Amino acid sequence: MNLSTIWRKLRSQQAFCFAALLAGCLVFIGCSPAQSAAGNSVDPKFKEQVLQVIRENPQAILDSVQAYQQEQQQSLKAAQESFLQAMKTNPKSPIGDAPTTGSAAQQIVLLEFSDFQCPFCARAHETIKQFMAKHQDKVTLAYKHFPLTSIHPQALPAAKAAWAAGQQGKFWEYYNALFEGQKDLGEEFYGSIAQKLNLKLDKFNTDRNSPAAEAAIGKDVQLAKQLGIEGTPFFIMNGQTFSGAVELSEMEKILANVSK
C-alpha cells in the first residue's frame, strides 16, 4: 500500500491525527477519544501499515503536514482579507449584536476585541476613552468579547457579567468599571458593580449564567479565531488593524487615514 493510498484511507476513515514537531523528531499518530467512544476502532493491521509508511517516508509526511498548514494559512489570509474589505465597503457590517457607543451613523466603526483581565487591554482602555471622548460624534465603538481563558481565569466570568449588564442597558458603564477595577475581578466585585449601577440583581445573575451569554461570547470568540486574532487588545477601524496598548497619536493617524 503506497503513501497516497494510505493518506486517502486516513482521510476517509478520519481515524488518526498526526503532527510534525521538529526536523528529525518522530511523527506520531493516535485515535481521538470521540472516535473511541463512538466505537470507530482502527484495524491493527491498517495501523501498522500506516506506522510503517511513516517510518519509511518521514519527509513525505512532514511535507504533507507543511502543505496542509500552508493551505490553512492561505484560507485564513483569504478570510481576513475578505472581512477587512467588506468592512471598508460597509463599516457597520461586522457589528451584529455587539454593544455600541458613539456615533449613531456607523460610518466609521472601531471594533475592539478585548479581555477584561488583560493588563494591556486595561491600558488601551484609557486611550480608547480619550479617543471616543474626542470623536464620539464621528466614530462608533463596538465591543467584541475575546476572553483568553487559558491565561486569564476571570476573563470569561467578567465577560458574562458585562454581557448581562448589557441586557439592562448598562454594558458600557459595566465595561468601564471592570477595566478600572481590574485588580478586583471576582464574584464579589461583579455583584458590587451591579448594585452600584442599580441593576436588577436576580435578572443580572440569571443572565450572566445563561446559555445566551455563553453563545453570545462564543460567537465573538469564533469571529476572532476566524480572523486569526491571537492576542488582546486587537482593533479594526474601517478595515485597518492595530493592536496592543495603542497610543492616542496612532489612533488619530488611523482615523485620519480612514476618513479620506
Protein backbone atom coordinates (compact mmCIF):
# COMPACT_ATOMS: atom_id res chain seq x y z
CA MET A 1 0.00 0.00 0.00
CA ASN A 2 1.68 3.28 -1.08
CA LEU A 3 1.64 6.63 0.69
CA SER A 4 -1.14 8.20 -1.38
CA THR A 5 -3.41 5.22 -0.74
CA ILE A 6 -2.72 5.30 2.98
CA TRP A 7 -3.35 9.07 3.01
CA ARG A 8 -6.72 8.71 1.27
CA LYS A 9 -7.75 5.97 3.67
CA LEU A 10 -6.70 8.08 6.65
CA ARG A 11 -8.83 10.97 5.47
CA SER A 12 -11.85 8.83 4.61
CA GLN A 13 -11.85 6.99 7.95
CA GLN A 14 -10.94 10.13 9.92
CA ALA A 15 -9.33 7.74 12.37
CA PHE A 16 -5.96 9.32 13.00
CA CYS A 17 -4.42 12.71 13.57
CA PHE A 18 -0.69 13.35 13.22
CA ALA A 19 1.69 16.20 13.69
CA ALA A 20 5.24 17.09 12.78
CA LEU A 21 7.25 18.59 15.64
CA LEU A 22 10.83 19.46 14.61
CA ALA A 23 13.10 18.12 11.90
CA GLY A 24 14.39 14.75 13.00
CA CYS A 25 11.57 14.23 15.56
CA LEU A 26 9.24 11.28 15.27
CA VAL A 27 5.88 11.83 13.63
CA PHE A 28 3.14 10.06 15.51
CA ILE A 29 -0.49 9.10 15.15
CA GLY A 30 -3.36 8.48 17.57
CA CYS A 31 -7.07 7.91 17.83
CA SER A 32 -9.32 10.63 19.26
CA PRO A 33 -11.40 9.96 22.39
CA ALA A 34 -14.57 10.83 20.49
CA GLN A 35 -13.86 8.15 17.90
CA SER A 36 -13.10 5.56 20.57
CA ALA A 37 -16.33 6.40 22.37
CA ALA A 38 -18.22 6.01 19.12
CA GLY A 39 -16.70 2.57 18.60
CA ASN A 40 -14.83 3.51 15.42
CA SER A 41 -11.90 1.20 16.15
CA VAL A 42 -8.94 1.02 13.79
CA ASP A 43 -7.82 -2.25 12.26
CA PRO A 44 -4.44 -3.13 13.91
CA LYS A 45 -3.05 -4.25 10.55
CA PHE A 46 -4.02 -0.96 8.97
CA LYS A 47 -2.47 0.93 11.90
CA GLU A 48 0.79 -0.98 11.46
CA GLN A 49 0.75 -0.22 7.73
CA VAL A 50 0.37 3.49 8.49
CA LEU A 51 3.19 3.40 11.02
CA GLN A 52 5.39 1.60 8.53
CA VAL A 53 4.70 4.22 5.87
CA ILE A 54 5.58 6.95 8.35
CA ARG A 55 8.83 5.22 9.31
CA GLU A 56 9.83 4.78 5.70
CA ASN A 57 8.68 8.20 4.47
CA PRO A 58 9.23 10.76 7.26
CA GLN A 59 9.99 13.58 4.86
CA ALA A 60 6.87 12.89 2.80
CA ILE A 61 4.75 13.03 5.95
CA LEU A 62 6.43 16.25 7.04
CA ASP A 63 5.85 17.73 3.57
CA SER A 64 2.17 16.76 3.78
CA VAL A 65 1.77 18.44 7.15
CA GLN A 66 3.54 21.56 5.92
CA ALA A 67 1.37 21.64 2.79
CA TYR A 68 -1.73 21.36 4.96
CA GLN A 69 -0.51 24.17 7.22
CA GLN A 70 0.17 26.38 4.20
CA GLU A 71 -3.30 25.65 2.88
CA GLN A 72 -4.80 26.61 6.23
CA GLN A 73 -2.77 29.81 6.37
CA GLN A 74 -3.87 30.75 2.86
CA SER A 75 -7.51 30.12 3.76
CA LEU A 76 -7.12 32.24 6.88
CA LYS A 77 -5.48 35.04 4.94
CA ALA A 78 -8.28 34.97 2.37
CA ALA A 79 -10.91 35.14 5.12
CA GLN A 80 -9.11 38.06 6.76
CA GLU A 81 -8.82 39.99 3.51
CA SER A 82 -12.48 39.36 2.69
CA PHE A 83 -13.59 40.58 6.12
CA LEU A 84 -11.42 43.71 6.05
CA GLN A 85 -12.50 44.60 2.52
CA ALA A 86 -16.17 44.14 3.45
CA MET A 87 -15.69 46.44 6.44
CA LYS A 88 -14.10 49.10 4.25
CA THR A 89 -17.12 48.98 1.95
CA ASN A 90 -19.71 48.69 4.72
CA PRO A 91 -18.17 49.66 8.09
CA LYS A 92 -21.17 48.62 10.16
CA SER A 93 -21.41 45.12 8.65
CA PRO A 94 -19.49 43.29 11.43
CA ILE A 95 -21.28 44.95 14.36
CA GLY A 96 -24.09 42.41 14.61
CA ASP A 97 -25.34 42.21 18.20
CA ALA A 98 -22.26 43.90 19.67
CA PRO A 99 -22.88 46.77 22.10
CA THR A 100 -22.05 50.13 20.56
CA THR A 101 -21.40 53.67 21.70
CA GLY A 102 -20.57 56.89 19.92
CA SER A 103 -21.89 57.94 16.54
CA ALA A 104 -25.24 56.51 15.52
CA ALA A 105 -24.28 56.95 11.84
CA GLN A 106 -21.87 53.99 11.99
CA GLN A 107 -19.84 55.32 9.08
CA ILE A 108 -16.53 54.93 10.92
CA VAL A 109 -16.58 51.83 13.12
CA LEU A 110 -13.94 50.82 15.63
CA LEU A 111 -14.16 47.15 16.59
CA GLU A 112 -12.49 46.30 19.89
CA PHE A 113 -11.61 42.65 20.61
CA SER A 114 -10.74 42.63 24.28
CA ASP A 115 -10.32 40.68 27.52
CA PHE A 116 -11.32 42.27 30.83
CA GLN A 117 -8.42 40.61 32.69
CA CYS A 118 -5.76 41.55 30.13
CA PRO A 119 -3.46 44.31 31.54
CA PHE A 120 -2.70 45.60 28.04
CA CYS A 121 -6.45 45.90 27.41
CA ALA A 122 -6.80 47.99 30.57
CA ARG A 123 -4.03 50.29 29.35
CA ALA A 124 -5.61 50.55 25.91
CA HIS A 125 -8.96 51.28 27.58
CA GLU A 126 -7.61 54.60 28.85
CA THR A 127 -6.61 55.56 25.31
CA ILE A 128 -9.95 54.42 23.89
CA LYS A 129 -11.78 56.61 26.43
CA GLN A 130 -9.79 59.66 25.38
CA PHE A 131 -10.25 58.88 21.71
CA MET A 132 -14.01 58.35 21.97
CA ALA A 133 -14.50 61.47 24.12
CA LYS A 134 -12.96 63.45 21.28
CA HIS A 135 -14.57 61.63 18.34
CA GLN A 136 -17.87 60.22 19.63
CA ASP A 137 -19.78 62.29 17.09
CA LYS A 138 -17.85 60.63 14.27
CA VAL A 139 -16.75 57.16 15.44
CA THR A 140 -18.83 54.18 16.55
CA LEU A 141 -17.13 51.88 19.06
CA ALA A 142 -18.33 48.24 19.02
CA TYR A 143 -17.14 45.70 21.57
CA LYS A 144 -16.31 42.07 20.80
CA HIS A 145 -15.54 39.66 23.64
CA PHE A 146 -12.30 37.70 23.35
CA PRO A 147 -11.57 36.25 26.79
CA LEU A 148 -8.21 34.48 26.85
CA THR A 149 -9.39 31.77 29.22
CA SER A 150 -6.16 29.76 29.15
CA ILE A 151 -4.24 32.53 30.91
CA HIS A 152 -6.96 34.69 32.49
CA PRO A 153 -9.34 32.71 34.75
CA GLN A 154 -11.61 35.71 35.37
CA ALA A 155 -11.84 36.77 31.73
CA LEU A 156 -14.91 34.69 30.90
CA PRO A 157 -16.85 35.39 34.13
CA ALA A 158 -16.17 39.10 33.65
CA ALA A 159 -17.32 38.93 30.03
CA LYS A 160 -20.54 37.19 31.07
CA ALA A 161 -21.16 39.80 33.74
CA ALA A 162 -20.65 42.63 31.23
CA TRP A 163 -22.97 40.91 28.76
CA ALA A 164 -25.62 40.56 31.49
CA ALA A 165 -25.31 44.26 32.33
CA GLY A 166 -25.86 44.97 28.66
CA GLN A 167 -29.21 43.20 28.85
CA GLN A 168 -30.27 46.01 31.18
CA GLY A 169 -28.75 48.77 29.07
CA LYS A 170 -25.63 49.23 31.20
CA PHE A 171 -22.91 47.50 29.21
CA TRP A 172 -20.58 50.49 28.83
CA GLU A 173 -20.86 51.52 32.47
CA TYR A 174 -20.03 47.96 33.49
CA TYR A 175 -17.23 47.79 30.88
CA ASN A 176 -15.61 50.90 32.39
CA ALA A 177 -15.94 49.56 35.93
CA LEU A 178 -14.32 46.22 35.02
CA PHE A 179 -11.27 47.81 33.42
CA GLU A 180 -10.89 50.45 36.11
CA GLY A 181 -11.14 47.83 38.87
CA GLN A 182 -9.31 45.05 37.04
CA LYS A 183 -7.27 44.01 40.08
CA ASP A 184 -10.52 43.21 41.94
CA LEU A 185 -12.12 40.89 39.37
CA GLY A 186 -14.16 38.17 41.06
CA GLU A 187 -17.68 37.26 42.15
CA GLU A 188 -17.89 39.85 44.92
CA PHE A 189 -16.78 42.60 42.55
CA TYR A 190 -19.25 41.63 39.83
CA GLY A 191 -22.15 41.86 42.27
CA SER A 192 -20.84 45.12 43.70
CA ILE A 193 -20.74 46.77 40.27
CA ALA A 194 -24.25 45.53 39.51
CA GLN A 195 -25.54 47.07 42.73
CA LYS A 196 -23.81 50.40 42.08
CA LEU A 197 -25.40 50.50 38.62
CA ASN A 198 -28.82 49.71 40.11
CA LEU A 199 -29.22 46.56 38.05
CA LYS A 200 -31.94 44.07 38.90
CA LEU A 201 -29.73 41.53 40.63
CA ASP A 202 -31.91 38.48 40.03
CA LYS A 203 -32.02 39.16 36.31
CA PHE A 204 -28.32 40.04 36.25
CA ASN A 205 -27.35 36.74 37.86
CA THR A 206 -29.73 34.73 35.69
CA ASP A 207 -28.49 36.39 32.51
CA ARG A 208 -24.78 36.03 33.21
CA ASN A 209 -25.17 32.32 33.90
CA SER A 210 -27.42 31.69 30.90
CA PRO A 211 -26.73 29.75 27.69
CA ALA A 212 -27.43 33.01 25.84
CA ALA A 213 -24.44 34.68 27.48
CA GLU A 214 -22.23 31.71 26.59
CA ALA A 215 -23.48 31.74 23.00
CA ALA A 216 -23.02 35.49 22.51
CA ILE A 217 -19.46 35.45 23.82
CA GLY A 218 -18.70 32.27 21.89
CA LYS A 219 -19.83 33.96 18.68
CA ASP A 220 -17.36 36.79 19.23
CA VAL A 221 -14.57 34.36 20.03
CA GLN A 222 -15.31 32.41 16.87
CA LEU A 223 -15.06 35.58 14.79
CA ALA A 224 -11.73 36.42 16.42
CA LYS A 225 -10.39 32.98 15.60
CA GLN A 226 -11.66 33.17 12.01
CA LEU A 227 -9.68 36.41 11.67
CA GLY A 228 -6.57 34.80 13.13
CA ILE A 229 -6.51 37.10 16.17
CA GLU A 230 -4.22 35.57 18.78
CA GLY A 231 -3.97 38.23 21.46
CA THR A 232 -5.69 41.22 23.01
CA PRO A 233 -6.41 44.02 22.64
CA PHE A 234 -6.98 43.95 18.90
CA PHE A 235 -8.71 46.69 16.93
CA ILE A 236 -10.13 47.16 13.45
CA MET A 237 -11.18 50.59 12.22
CA ASN A 238 -12.89 50.54 8.84
CA GLY A 239 -10.69 47.67 7.71
CA GLN A 240 -7.41 48.88 9.22
CA THR A 241 -6.00 46.74 12.01
CA PHE A 242 -3.84 47.61 15.01
CA SER A 243 -3.20 46.02 18.37
CA GLY A 244 -1.69 46.31 21.83
CA ALA A 245 -1.63 49.21 24.29
CA VAL A 246 -2.08 51.68 21.46
CA GLU A 247 -1.15 55.36 21.76
CA LEU A 248 -3.69 58.10 21.09
CA SER A 249 -1.49 59.60 18.37
CA GLU A 250 -1.54 56.30 16.47
CA MET A 251 -5.32 56.13 16.63
CA GLU A 252 -5.57 59.71 15.39
CA LYS A 253 -3.44 58.82 12.36
CA ILE A 254 -5.57 55.79 11.56
CA LEU A 255 -8.76 57.83 11.87
CA ALA A 256 -7.35 60.46 9.52
CA ASN A 257 -6.45 57.75 7.03
CA VAL A 258 -9.87 56.03 7.02
CA SER A 259 -11.63 59.40 6.86
CA LYS A 260 -10.11 60.28 3.48
